[in-house]
Amino acid sequence: MLQTEHLSCGYGGGHVVKNISFRVEEGSRLCIIGPNGCGKTTLLRALAGLLPAEGLIRICGESLNKMSRRKLACQVALMSQLTSVSFSYSVYETVLMGRYAHQKSGLLASQSEEDRRIVRESMERTGILALKDRPVTELSGGQLQRVFLARTFAQEPKIILLDEPTNHLDLKYQVELVENLKEWTKQGGRCAVGVFHDINLALSFADTVLLMDHGAAYAYERAEQFDLSLVSEIYRMDVRNYMQNTLKKWE
């Protein structure tokens, strides 16, 4: 469903991501982990068609380079890390923007009954329906993150790319987001690729894990077989011991 072969990309002619190959099958979820600066976000941007890349990126069987921007937007949605907003649209209007690729004319003026249904369902899925009339400039970081997730769902892509989607979310909504995405990928030919820093959350989300270091693939394994000692090598600390000692605090 999503495939890369010998993918390299970066900025200004240099390669940040180097020779990455993987497959994400229908109904599955890939998690990308690794230290800051190892190329995780750059890889997501290339998969979304926002960066030129060498090698192959295939989306639902078609080369990304041969897809129109509109067709790509109907297939792939990228939810980037939250920074700030400078517009004062309502929550409803912001989620409605996810329908843009499906519109034939002006976005807000041409919304159909189907658009309204999908937007409402997306807001219900992310628990923000009660906020639909609030300006997004008045929301907390966690609320805004859920608005952008709802907008991503409203886009109805086949593939969702997520860059640190749990930033600004409290524990309850982190767990809900992961479960939401797991349910979403089970419905009708979908898959998801997420970048996470929380390893526990990553492993609960993923079927497959791609561990990156210095722009390259350090390990690529099924989540249930993933060896935490590999993470310890990359982060240069005893991750397993840290996680075990942390969990003991809750016994």
Protein backbone atom coordinates (compact mmCIF):
# COMPACT_ATOMS: atom_id res chain seq x y z
CA MET A 1 0.00 0.00 0.00
CA LEU A 2 2.91 2.33 0.86
CA GLN A 3 6.33 1.30 -0.32
CA THR A 4 9.78 2.88 -0.49
CA GLU A 5 12.89 1.50 -2.16
CA HIS A 6 16.34 3.03 -1.61
CA LEU A 7 14.75 6.35 -0.64
CA SER A 8 17.11 9.26 0.00
CA CYS A 9 16.10 12.89 0.56
CA GLY A 10 17.08 16.06 2.33
CA TYR A 11 17.59 19.79 1.91
CA GLY A 12 19.80 21.91 -0.32
CA GLY A 13 21.06 18.93 -2.26
CA GLY A 14 22.23 17.06 0.84
CA HIS A 15 20.81 13.77 2.07
CA VAL A 16 19.31 13.65 5.57
CA VAL A 17 17.55 10.33 4.88
CA LYS A 18 19.72 7.71 3.25
CA ASN A 19 18.71 4.56 1.39
CA ILE A 20 15.52 3.71 3.31
CA SER A 21 13.33 0.80 2.14
CA PHE A 22 10.12 -0.48 3.75
CA ARG A 23 6.54 -1.57 3.06
CA VAL A 24 3.35 -0.76 4.94
CA GLU A 25 0.54 -3.13 4.04
CA GLU A 26 -3.18 -2.43 4.03
CA GLY A 27 -4.60 -2.37 7.55
CA SER A 28 -1.21 -2.00 9.25
CA ARG A 29 0.75 0.67 11.13
CA LEU A 30 4.44 1.51 10.96
CA CYS A 31 6.12 3.44 13.75
CA ILE A 32 9.35 5.36 13.16
CA ILE A 33 11.55 5.98 16.19
CA GLY A 34 15.03 7.36 16.70
CA PRO A 35 16.97 10.23 18.27
CA ASN A 36 16.28 13.88 17.49
CA GLY A 37 17.76 14.90 14.16
CA CYS A 38 17.96 11.38 12.73
CA GLY A 39 15.64 12.19 9.79
CA LYS A 40 12.21 11.02 10.95
CA THR A 41 10.29 14.19 10.04
CA THR A 42 12.25 14.58 6.80
CA LEU A 43 11.20 11.05 5.82
CA LEU A 44 7.53 11.84 6.50
CA ARG A 45 7.76 15.02 4.41
CA ALA A 46 9.15 13.04 1.48
CA LEU A 47 6.37 10.47 1.80
CA ALA A 48 3.86 13.34 1.67
CA GLY A 49 5.41 14.67 -1.53
CA LEU A 50 6.72 17.83 0.15
CA LEU A 51 10.40 17.10 -0.53
CA PRO A 52 12.12 15.87 -3.69
CA ALA A 53 13.52 12.40 -3.20
CA GLU A 54 15.73 9.87 -4.92
CA GLY A 55 14.59 6.27 -5.13
CA LEU A 56 11.02 5.00 -5.20
CA ILE A 57 7.92 6.01 -3.27
CA ARG A 58 4.84 4.05 -4.29
CA ILE A 59 1.37 5.04 -3.02
CA CYS A 60 -1.39 2.44 -3.48
CA GLY A 61 0.58 0.92 -6.36
CA GLU A 62 1.36 4.21 -8.14
CA SER A 63 4.61 6.16 -8.20
CA LEU A 64 4.25 9.32 -6.13
CA ASN A 65 6.06 11.32 -8.84
CA LYS A 66 3.27 10.55 -11.32
CA MET A 67 0.39 11.61 -9.05
CA SER A 68 -1.30 15.01 -9.26
CA ARG A 69 -1.39 17.12 -6.09
CA ARG A 70 -5.14 16.63 -5.79
CA LYS A 71 -4.92 12.86 -6.23
CA LEU A 72 -2.10 12.67 -3.71
CA ALA A 73 -4.16 14.71 -1.21
CA CYS A 74 -7.01 12.22 -1.61
CA GLN A 75 -4.63 9.36 -0.81
CA VAL A 76 -2.23 10.78 1.80
CA ALA A 77 -2.69 13.12 4.78
CA LEU A 78 0.17 14.50 6.87
CA MET A 79 -0.48 15.67 10.42
CA SER A 80 2.62 17.68 11.34
CA GLN A 81 3.89 18.67 14.76
CA LEU A 82 1.76 21.39 16.32
CA THR A 83 3.38 24.80 16.54
CA SER A 84 0.88 27.67 16.58
CA VAL A 85 -2.05 29.07 14.62
CA SER A 86 -2.51 32.59 13.33
CA PHE A 87 -5.99 32.31 11.84
CA SER A 88 -9.31 32.62 13.64
CA TYR A 89 -11.47 30.03 11.91
CA SER A 90 -13.89 28.05 14.00
CA VAL A 91 -13.22 24.42 14.88
CA TYR A 92 -15.86 23.36 12.36
CA GLU A 93 -14.34 25.45 9.58
CA THR A 94 -10.86 24.12 10.36
CA VAL A 95 -11.99 20.50 10.21
CA LEU A 96 -13.92 21.27 7.01
CA MET A 97 -10.62 22.24 5.38
CA GLY A 98 -9.83 18.53 5.33
CA ARG A 99 -12.48 18.19 2.61
CA TYR A 100 -10.59 20.50 0.22
CA ALA A 101 -9.23 17.76 -2.04
CA HIS A 102 -12.77 16.43 -2.53
CA GLN A 103 -14.25 19.83 -3.47
CA LYS A 104 -14.93 20.92 -7.05
CA SER A 105 -15.14 24.63 -6.24
CA GLY A 106 -14.83 27.01 -3.27
CA LEU A 107 -14.41 25.08 -0.05
CA LEU A 108 -16.82 26.64 2.42
CA ALA A 109 -19.34 27.66 -0.20
CA SER A 110 -19.74 24.24 -1.79
CA GLN A 111 -19.92 21.91 1.19
CA SER A 112 -22.30 19.04 0.59
CA GLU A 113 -24.39 17.06 2.98
CA GLU A 114 -21.75 14.34 2.78
CA ASP A 115 -19.05 16.87 3.69
CA ARG A 116 -21.05 17.97 6.73
CA ARG A 117 -21.62 14.36 7.79
CA ILE A 118 -17.94 13.46 7.49
CA VAL A 119 -16.85 16.59 9.37
CA ARG A 120 -19.30 15.86 12.17
CA GLU A 121 -18.20 12.23 12.42
CA SER A 122 -14.54 13.31 12.50
CA MET A 123 -15.23 15.73 15.35
CA GLU A 124 -17.18 13.07 17.25
CA ARG A 125 -14.33 10.57 16.74
CA THR A 126 -11.82 12.99 18.29
CA GLY A 127 -14.10 14.30 21.06
CA ILE A 128 -14.31 17.92 19.89
CA LEU A 129 -17.90 18.21 18.66
CA ALA A 130 -18.84 20.42 21.61
CA LEU A 131 -16.13 22.87 20.50
CA LYS A 132 -17.34 23.18 16.90
CA ASP A 133 -18.18 26.91 17.12
CA ARG A 134 -15.09 27.95 19.11
CA PRO A 135 -12.32 29.90 17.34
CA VAL A 136 -9.21 27.74 17.17
CA THR A 137 -7.17 30.63 18.58
CA GLU A 138 -8.96 30.11 21.91
CA LEU A 139 -8.09 26.42 22.26
CA SER A 140 -5.46 24.74 24.38
CA GLY A 141 -2.63 22.88 22.71
CA GLY A 142 -4.29 19.53 23.39
CA GLN A 143 -7.63 20.67 21.99
CA LEU A 144 -5.96 22.08 18.91
CA GLN A 145 -4.08 18.83 18.34
CA ARG A 146 -7.40 16.97 18.31
CA VAL A 147 -8.85 19.51 15.88
CA PHE A 148 -6.01 18.84 13.45
CA LEU A 149 -6.49 15.09 13.86
CA ALA A 150 -10.19 15.53 13.07
CA ARG A 151 -9.22 17.52 9.97
CA THR A 152 -6.95 14.65 8.96
CA PHE A 153 -9.77 12.12 9.35
CA ALA A 154 -12.12 14.42 7.38
CA GLN A 155 -9.68 14.31 4.47
CA GLU A 156 -10.54 10.58 4.14
CA PRO A 157 -7.05 9.55 3.01
CA LYS A 158 -5.92 5.99 2.50
CA ILE A 159 -2.65 6.72 4.31
CA ILE A 160 -2.13 8.93 7.37
CA LEU A 161 1.34 10.23 8.22
CA LEU A 162 1.70 11.47 11.80
CA ASP A 163 4.58 13.49 13.20
CA GLU A 164 4.52 13.32 17.01
CA PRO A 165 0.69 13.18 17.11
CA THR A 166 0.54 12.90 20.92
CA ASN A 167 2.33 16.20 21.56
CA HIS A 168 0.28 18.40 23.93
CA LEU A 169 -2.14 15.56 24.71
CA ASP A 170 -2.72 14.32 28.23
CA LEU A 171 -2.45 10.60 28.95
CA LYS A 172 -6.16 9.89 28.40
CA TYR A 173 -6.16 11.42 24.93
CA GLN A 174 -2.82 9.83 24.01
CA VAL A 175 -4.33 6.39 24.62
CA GLU A 176 -7.56 7.35 22.84
CA LEU A 177 -5.64 8.65 19.82
CA VAL A 178 -3.67 5.42 19.47
CA GLU A 179 -6.81 3.30 19.78
CA ASN A 180 -8.62 5.58 17.33
CA LEU A 181 -5.90 5.15 14.74
CA LYS A 182 -5.81 1.40 15.22
CA GLU A 183 -9.55 1.26 14.56
CA TRP A 184 -9.22 3.62 11.60
CA THR A 185 -6.64 1.44 9.87
CA LYS A 186 -8.94 -1.59 10.09
CA GLN A 187 -11.55 0.05 7.87
CA GLY A 188 -11.38 -0.26 4.11
CA GLY A 189 -7.82 -0.33 2.82
CA ARG A 190 -5.99 2.09 5.08
CA CYS A 191 -2.63 2.29 6.80
CA ALA A 192 -0.77 4.72 9.06
CA VAL A 193 2.85 5.77 9.62
CA GLY A 194 3.66 7.58 12.86
CA VAL A 195 6.72 9.19 14.40
CA PHE A 196 6.77 8.80 18.19
CA HIS A 197 9.24 9.59 20.96
CA ASP A 198 7.39 7.56 23.62
CA ILE A 199 8.58 4.01 23.02
CA ASN A 200 5.78 2.36 25.01
CA LEU A 201 3.20 4.30 23.00
CA ALA A 202 5.02 3.51 19.77
CA LEU A 203 5.00 -0.22 20.42
CA SER A 204 1.32 -0.17 21.39
CA PHE A 205 0.54 1.65 18.12
CA ALA A 206 2.72 -0.24 15.66
CA ASP A 207 2.66 -3.53 13.82
CA THR A 208 6.14 -2.78 12.49
CA VAL A 209 8.93 -0.55 13.82
CA LEU A 210 11.56 1.33 11.83
CA LEU A 211 14.45 2.46 14.03
CA MET A 212 16.53 5.23 12.45
CA ASP A 213 19.94 6.61 13.27
CA HIS A 214 21.88 9.27 11.33
CA GLY A 215 19.34 9.13 8.49
CA ALA A 216 19.60 5.39 7.89
CA ALA A 217 17.56 2.35 8.92
CA TYR A 218 19.20 0.82 11.99
CA ALA A 219 16.51 -1.85 12.44
CA TYR A 220 13.22 -2.77 10.77
CA GLU A 221 11.21 -5.39 12.67
CA ARG A 222 7.77 -6.57 13.71
CA ALA A 223 6.71 -4.77 16.90
CA GLU A 224 6.24 -7.98 18.88
CA GLN A 225 9.79 -9.04 18.01
CA PHE A 226 11.41 -5.66 18.54
CA ASP A 227 14.52 -5.80 20.71
CA LEU A 228 14.79 -2.86 23.10
CA SER A 229 18.54 -3.35 23.28
CA LEU A 230 18.66 -1.84 19.78
CA VAL A 231 17.13 1.34 21.15
CA SER A 232 19.64 1.32 23.98
CA GLU A 233 22.45 1.24 21.41
CA ILE A 234 21.02 4.24 19.57
CA TYR A 235 20.18 6.34 22.63
CA ARG A 236 23.27 5.19 24.55
CA MET A 237 21.34 4.34 27.69
CA ASP A 238 19.75 1.23 29.20
CA VAL A 239 16.20 1.80 27.94
CA ARG A 240 14.83 -1.52 29.20
CA ASN A 241 16.13 -0.90 32.72
CA TYR A 242 14.76 2.65 32.69
CA MET A 243 11.30 1.47 31.58
CA GLN A 244 11.23 -1.33 34.14
CA ASN A 245 12.27 0.97 36.98
CA THR A 246 9.72 3.57 35.91
CA LEU A 247 6.91 1.03 35.80
CA LYS A 248 7.80 -0.21 39.31
CA LYS A 249 6.66 3.14 40.64
CA TRP A 250 3.11 2.13 39.71
CA GLU A 251 3.14 -1.28 41.39
